[in-house]
């Protein structure tokens, strides 16, 4: 199997040391395997994306010594691919329109009988306010927020081959190959249950108003279209992988003749002096700033522990 991985930053701010570590690690792993390192621009959110930040991404990564095939895939140019995937999920009866704002969800969760706010890998766990009793009909609505009915998806035949009943515990269990430090089994896999999906993830968003697709749906489609075999990214996205696997499994039989499930490697995060993971607002740790102050690519490797 050819080793194909990708680095997929959003052009919404400067790349920092955390980005440098992820990109360098992915590039190094691909080169060690005689594989391919891809760059992808995750610019779904056009309200925050800027051409100047995209240009700096190319500049910073080239300065670090990385190279990639061109042209670069940009999510803003791939809506037709995402629409095709959304249509599949809509025809299966798994999507419904949601008009709840983040404030609505927060207020619903803050009710005394709900026991306080609950967060999952997609943010606040949705309480199901807009979930319909009957399957939505007609054409898929456009420019609206759509959620996936997780309970209905898990009850369907599409996912049964991916879950194995665990004897005596009444749990359906699945897993993915995890080569990073966060595997939770002795055989290098990350195991999760259908109960976790229902209770700790809930009905997640697959299409956002004014954006066309959610990050989770777009990344599944992008990785399939680019034949990505290995996903190398930060540990903060470990549980988000479960959402993306669920989407891939649901698209498998109709959109793709065979959805090729990637191998995952969730690496440690680069943190600041207070132990917080870096964000794009941390301009003091921006790659461009280090470069302007006279640092070399070797210095950056040393700073992130790859020297």
Protein backbone atom coordinates (compact mmCIF):
# COMPACT_ATOMS: atom_id res chain seq x y z
CA UNK A 1 0.00 0.00 0.00
CA UNK A 2 1.36 3.40 -0.99
CA UNK A 3 1.73 5.72 2.00
CA UNK A 4 -0.22 8.94 1.35
CA UNK A 5 -0.75 11.53 4.04
CA UNK A 6 -1.71 15.18 4.16
CA UNK A 7 -1.40 18.41 6.11
CA UNK A 8 -4.58 20.46 5.92
CA UNK A 9 -4.35 23.90 7.55
CA UNK A 10 -7.03 26.60 7.43
CA UNK A 11 -5.94 29.98 6.02
CA UNK A 12 -7.38 31.91 8.97
CA UNK A 13 -4.17 32.97 10.68
CA UNK A 14 -0.43 32.33 10.85
CA UNK A 15 0.99 28.85 11.20
CA UNK A 16 2.61 28.31 14.60
CA UNK A 17 4.98 25.76 16.12
CA UNK A 18 2.15 23.25 16.54
CA UNK A 19 1.47 23.37 12.82
CA UNK A 20 5.19 23.04 12.12
CA UNK A 21 5.39 19.89 14.23
CA UNK A 22 2.37 18.29 12.57
CA UNK A 23 3.48 19.14 9.04
CA UNK A 24 7.10 18.08 9.60
CA UNK A 25 6.06 14.82 11.27
CA UNK A 26 3.65 13.95 8.46
CA UNK A 27 6.24 14.82 5.81
CA UNK A 28 8.96 12.82 7.59
CA UNK A 29 6.75 9.76 7.98
CA UNK A 30 5.75 9.86 4.32
CA UNK A 31 9.34 10.21 3.15
CA UNK A 32 10.49 7.35 5.39
CA UNK A 33 7.93 5.10 3.69
CA UNK A 34 8.70 6.30 0.17
CA UNK A 35 5.21 7.80 0.10
CA UNK A 36 3.52 11.09 -0.72
CA UNK A 37 2.93 14.18 1.40
CA UNK A 38 -0.06 16.28 0.30
CA UNK A 39 -0.96 19.84 1.23
CA UNK A 40 -4.67 20.67 1.36
CA UNK A 41 -6.25 24.03 2.16
CA UNK A 42 -9.26 23.72 4.46
CA UNK A 43 -10.98 26.97 3.53
CA UNK A 44 -14.64 26.01 3.97
CA UNK A 45 -15.16 29.02 6.21
CA UNK A 46 -14.85 31.74 3.61
CA UNK A 47 -15.86 34.41 6.12
CA UNK A 48 -12.54 33.88 7.96
CA UNK A 49 -10.23 32.60 5.21
CA UNK A 50 -7.81 35.05 3.63
CA UNK A 51 -5.67 34.78 0.51
CA UNK A 52 -2.80 36.41 2.39
CA UNK A 53 -2.84 33.67 5.03
CA UNK A 54 -2.95 31.00 2.33
CA UNK A 55 0.08 32.54 0.64
CA UNK A 56 1.93 32.55 3.97
CA UNK A 57 1.12 28.86 4.48
CA UNK A 58 2.96 28.03 1.24
CA UNK A 59 5.83 30.34 2.17
CA UNK A 60 6.24 28.94 5.70
CA UNK A 61 6.11 25.30 4.61
CA UNK A 62 8.53 25.80 1.72
CA UNK A 63 10.89 27.54 4.13
CA UNK A 64 10.71 24.50 6.43
CA UNK A 65 11.87 22.40 3.50
CA UNK A 66 8.59 20.68 2.66
CA UNK A 67 7.30 19.96 -0.83
CA UNK A 68 4.06 18.54 -2.22
CA UNK A 69 2.32 17.79 -5.52
CA UNK A 70 0.33 20.53 -7.20
CA UNK A 71 -2.33 21.69 -7.72
CA UNK A 72 -3.35 21.86 -4.08
CA UNK A 73 -6.88 20.76 -3.26
CA UNK A 74 -8.93 23.60 -1.78
CA UNK A 75 -12.21 22.86 -0.05
CA UNK A 76 -13.82 26.04 -1.38
CA UNK A 77 -13.64 24.51 -4.88
CA UNK A 78 -15.08 21.11 -3.92
CA UNK A 79 -18.69 21.80 -2.94
CA UNK A 80 -20.00 19.48 -5.67
CA UNK A 81 -18.21 16.57 -3.97
CA UNK A 82 -19.71 17.47 -0.61
CA UNK A 83 -23.19 17.88 -2.12
CA UNK A 84 -22.97 14.38 -3.54
CA UNK A 85 -22.15 12.97 -0.11
CA UNK A 86 -24.93 14.97 1.57
CA UNK A 87 -27.43 13.73 -1.01
CA UNK A 88 -26.51 10.13 -0.17
CA UNK A 89 -27.11 10.69 3.54
CA UNK A 90 -30.37 12.55 2.82
CA UNK A 91 -31.69 9.73 0.61
CA UNK A 92 -30.92 7.29 3.41
CA UNK A 93 -33.20 9.33 5.66
CA UNK A 94 -30.41 10.12 8.11
CA UNK A 95 -30.39 13.93 7.98
CA UNK A 96 -32.70 16.58 9.36
CA UNK A 97 -32.77 20.35 9.36
CA UNK A 98 -31.78 22.12 12.57
CA UNK A 99 -32.50 25.75 13.40
CA UNK A 100 -30.92 25.76 16.87
CA UNK A 101 -28.19 28.26 17.61
CA UNK A 102 -25.29 27.52 19.93
CA UNK A 103 -27.08 29.64 22.51
CA UNK A 104 -30.24 27.50 22.15
CA UNK A 105 -28.23 24.32 22.73
CA UNK A 106 -26.43 25.82 25.70
CA UNK A 107 -29.70 26.96 27.27
CA UNK A 108 -31.29 23.55 26.73
CA UNK A 109 -28.34 21.82 28.37
CA UNK A 110 -28.29 24.34 31.22
CA UNK A 111 -31.80 23.39 32.33
CA UNK A 112 -31.72 22.03 35.93
CA UNK A 113 -32.99 18.60 34.93
CA UNK A 114 -30.19 18.19 32.36
CA UNK A 115 -27.35 18.33 34.90
CA UNK A 116 -25.13 20.96 33.31
CA UNK A 117 -23.25 21.43 30.06
CA UNK A 118 -21.95 18.35 28.24
CA UNK A 119 -19.26 18.59 25.60
CA UNK A 120 -18.18 16.03 23.01
CA UNK A 121 -15.77 16.04 20.06
CA UNK A 122 -18.23 18.19 18.07
CA UNK A 123 -18.75 20.71 20.86
CA UNK A 124 -21.89 20.90 22.97
CA UNK A 125 -23.81 17.62 22.70
CA UNK A 126 -27.03 18.31 20.84
CA UNK A 127 -30.20 17.58 22.88
CA UNK A 128 -32.25 16.59 19.82
CA UNK A 129 -34.56 19.61 19.83
CA UNK A 130 -35.18 19.61 16.05
CA UNK A 131 -35.00 15.84 15.51
CA UNK A 132 -38.19 14.84 13.65
CA UNK A 133 -40.28 11.79 14.47
CA UNK A 134 -40.81 11.01 10.80
CA UNK A 135 -38.28 10.79 7.99
CA UNK A 136 -37.93 14.10 6.12
CA UNK A 137 -39.17 13.96 2.53
CA UNK A 138 -38.51 15.78 -0.72
CA UNK A 139 -35.26 17.26 -1.94
CA UNK A 140 -32.43 18.02 0.44
CA UNK A 141 -32.77 21.65 1.58
CA UNK A 142 -29.86 23.91 0.70
CA UNK A 143 -28.11 26.61 2.73
CA UNK A 144 -29.38 25.22 6.03
CA UNK A 145 -27.84 23.40 8.95
CA UNK A 146 -28.28 19.64 8.71
CA UNK A 147 -27.60 17.11 11.45
CA UNK A 148 -27.12 13.37 11.24
CA UNK A 149 -29.59 11.26 13.24
CA UNK A 150 -27.04 9.10 15.04
CA UNK A 151 -29.51 6.68 16.63
CA UNK A 152 -31.10 5.97 13.26
CA UNK A 153 -27.70 5.54 11.63
CA UNK A 154 -26.53 3.08 14.27
CA UNK A 155 -29.75 1.09 13.98
CA UNK A 156 -29.34 0.69 10.22
CA UNK A 157 -27.76 -2.17 8.30
CA UNK A 158 -24.93 0.04 6.98
CA UNK A 159 -23.00 -0.03 10.25
CA UNK A 160 -23.56 -3.59 11.42
CA UNK A 161 -20.41 -4.98 9.76
CA UNK A 162 -18.35 -2.36 11.59
CA UNK A 163 -19.53 -3.13 15.13
CA UNK A 164 -19.09 -6.36 17.07
CA UNK A 165 -21.29 -7.18 20.09
CA UNK A 166 -19.22 -7.53 23.25
CA UNK A 167 -20.47 -10.56 25.15
CA UNK A 168 -21.99 -9.90 28.54
CA UNK A 169 -21.81 -6.10 28.36
CA UNK A 170 -24.55 -5.29 25.83
CA UNK A 171 -22.15 -3.02 23.96
CA UNK A 172 -21.39 -2.83 20.27
CA UNK A 173 -17.68 -2.19 19.83
CA UNK A 174 -15.60 -0.93 16.91
CA UNK A 175 -12.07 0.41 16.50
CA UNK A 176 -9.56 2.03 14.18
CA UNK A 177 -5.83 1.49 13.77
CA UNK A 178 -3.97 4.08 15.90
CA UNK A 179 -0.19 4.15 15.52
CA UNK A 180 0.30 7.17 17.78
CA UNK A 181 0.68 7.20 21.56
CA UNK A 182 -3.07 7.21 22.23
CA UNK A 183 -4.10 3.67 21.28
CA UNK A 184 -6.28 2.25 24.06
CA UNK A 185 -5.74 -1.43 23.27
CA UNK A 186 -2.65 -3.62 23.44
CA UNK A 187 -2.79 -4.30 19.69
CA UNK A 188 -2.38 -0.70 18.51
CA UNK A 189 -6.02 0.23 18.03
CA UNK A 190 -8.40 2.80 19.48
CA UNK A 191 -11.60 1.13 20.59
CA UNK A 192 -14.98 2.84 21.04
CA UNK A 193 -18.60 1.79 21.50
CA UNK A 194 -21.90 2.66 19.86
CA UNK A 195 -23.02 3.79 23.32
CA UNK A 196 -20.22 6.39 23.34
CA UNK A 197 -21.42 7.72 19.98
CA UNK A 198 -25.00 8.03 21.21
CA UNK A 199 -24.26 9.56 24.60
CA UNK A 200 -20.98 11.46 24.15
CA UNK A 201 -21.29 12.67 20.54
CA UNK A 202 -24.97 12.79 19.62
CA UNK A 203 -26.47 14.21 16.44
CA UNK A 204 -23.60 16.14 14.86
CA UNK A 205 -23.66 18.73 12.08
CA UNK A 206 -22.81 17.63 8.53
CA UNK A 207 -23.78 20.82 6.70
CA UNK A 208 -23.71 24.37 8.00
CA UNK A 209 -25.74 27.32 6.82
CA UNK A 210 -23.61 29.56 4.57
CA UNK A 211 -20.78 26.99 4.50
CA UNK A 212 -22.20 24.06 2.51
CA UNK A 213 -20.52 21.30 4.52
CA UNK A 214 -19.14 20.71 7.98
CA UNK A 215 -15.49 20.03 8.67
CA UNK A 216 -16.23 16.41 9.55
CA UNK A 217 -18.03 15.63 6.30
CA UNK A 218 -15.57 17.56 4.13
CA UNK A 219 -12.49 15.86 5.56
CA UNK A 220 -13.95 12.39 4.93
CA UNK A 221 -14.73 13.25 1.31
CA UNK A 222 -11.38 14.98 0.79
CA UNK A 223 -9.36 12.08 2.17
CA UNK A 224 -11.25 9.60 -0.02
CA UNK A 225 -10.88 11.75 -3.14
CA UNK A 226 -7.14 12.09 -2.51
CA UNK A 227 -6.67 8.39 -1.60
CA UNK A 228 -5.18 9.31 1.79
CA UNK A 229 -3.99 6.17 3.57
CA UNK A 230 -2.57 7.68 6.77
CA UNK A 231 -3.98 10.61 8.73
CA UNK A 232 -1.38 12.28 10.95
CA UNK A 233 -2.69 15.03 13.21
CA UNK A 234 -2.94 16.28 16.80
CA UNK A 235 -4.39 14.35 19.72
CA UNK A 236 -7.12 16.99 20.09
CA UNK A 237 -8.83 15.35 17.08
CA UNK A 238 -8.66 11.79 18.40
CA UNK A 239 -12.34 11.45 19.29
CA UNK A 240 -13.39 13.42 16.20
CA UNK A 241 -12.08 10.43 14.24
CA UNK A 242 -15.12 8.47 15.45
CA UNK A 243 -17.45 10.99 13.79
CA UNK A 244 -15.49 10.79 10.56
CA UNK A 245 -15.47 6.99 10.56
CA UNK A 246 -19.24 6.99 11.01
CA UNK A 247 -19.65 9.26 7.98
CA UNK A 248 -17.29 7.13 5.90
CA UNK A 249 -19.11 3.92 6.75
CA UNK A 250 -22.47 5.47 5.84
CA UNK A 251 -21.16 6.64 2.46
CA UNK A 252 -19.32 3.40 1.71
CA UNK A 253 -21.93 1.33 -0.08
CA UNK A 254 -23.39 4.07 -2.27
CA UNK A 255 -20.95 6.91 -2.87
CA UNK A 256 -17.83 4.76 -2.93
CA UNK A 257 -17.47 1.21 -4.16
CA UNK A 258 -15.14 0.72 -1.23
CA UNK A 259 -14.35 3.38 1.35
CA UNK A 260 -10.72 2.94 2.28
CA UNK A 261 -10.49 3.57 6.02
CA UNK A 262 -7.21 5.35 6.82
CA UNK A 263 -4.69 4.43 9.47
CA UNK A 264 -4.51 7.16 12.12
CA UNK A 265 -1.63 8.67 14.07
CA UNK A 266 -2.63 11.26 16.67
CA UNK A 267 0.49 12.96 17.94
CA UNK A 268 1.24 15.00 21.04
CA UNK A 269 0.39 18.69 21.07
CA UNK A 270 2.89 21.54 21.25
CA UNK A 271 2.03 23.65 24.28
CA UNK A 272 3.01 27.03 25.70
CA UNK A 273 4.80 27.67 28.98
CA UNK A 274 1.48 27.40 30.86
CA UNK A 275 0.68 24.03 29.31
CA UNK A 276 -2.01 25.30 26.95
CA UNK A 277 -2.01 24.06 23.36
CA UNK A 278 -1.06 26.69 20.82
CA UNK A 279 -3.70 28.56 18.82
CA UNK A 280 -3.44 30.91 15.86
CA UNK A 281 -3.79 33.87 18.18
CA UNK A 282 -0.38 32.92 19.61
CA UNK A 283 1.47 35.14 17.16
CA UNK A 284 4.58 35.04 19.35
CA UNK A 285 5.00 31.40 18.29
CA UNK A 286 4.25 31.96 14.60
CA UNK A 287 6.68 30.35 12.17
CA UNK A 288 7.01 33.65 10.28
CA UNK A 289 8.06 35.44 13.46
CA UNK A 290 10.80 32.90 14.19
CA UNK A 291 11.98 33.21 10.61
CA UNK A 292 12.03 37.02 10.80
CA UNK A 293 14.12 36.81 13.98
CA UNK A 294 16.77 34.74 12.21
CA UNK A 295 15.78 31.17 13.15
CA UNK A 296 16.59 28.36 10.73
CA UNK A 297 14.41 25.37 9.77
CA UNK A 298 16.75 23.26 11.90
CA UNK A 299 16.00 25.54 14.86
CA UNK A 300 12.28 24.95 14.39
CA UNK A 301 12.83 21.20 14.29
CA UNK A 302 14.76 21.47 17.52
CA UNK A 303 12.06 23.56 19.18
CA UNK A 304 9.32 21.01 18.40
CA UNK A 305 11.42 17.98 19.30
CA UNK A 306 12.24 16.73 15.83
CA UNK A 307 15.86 17.86 15.76
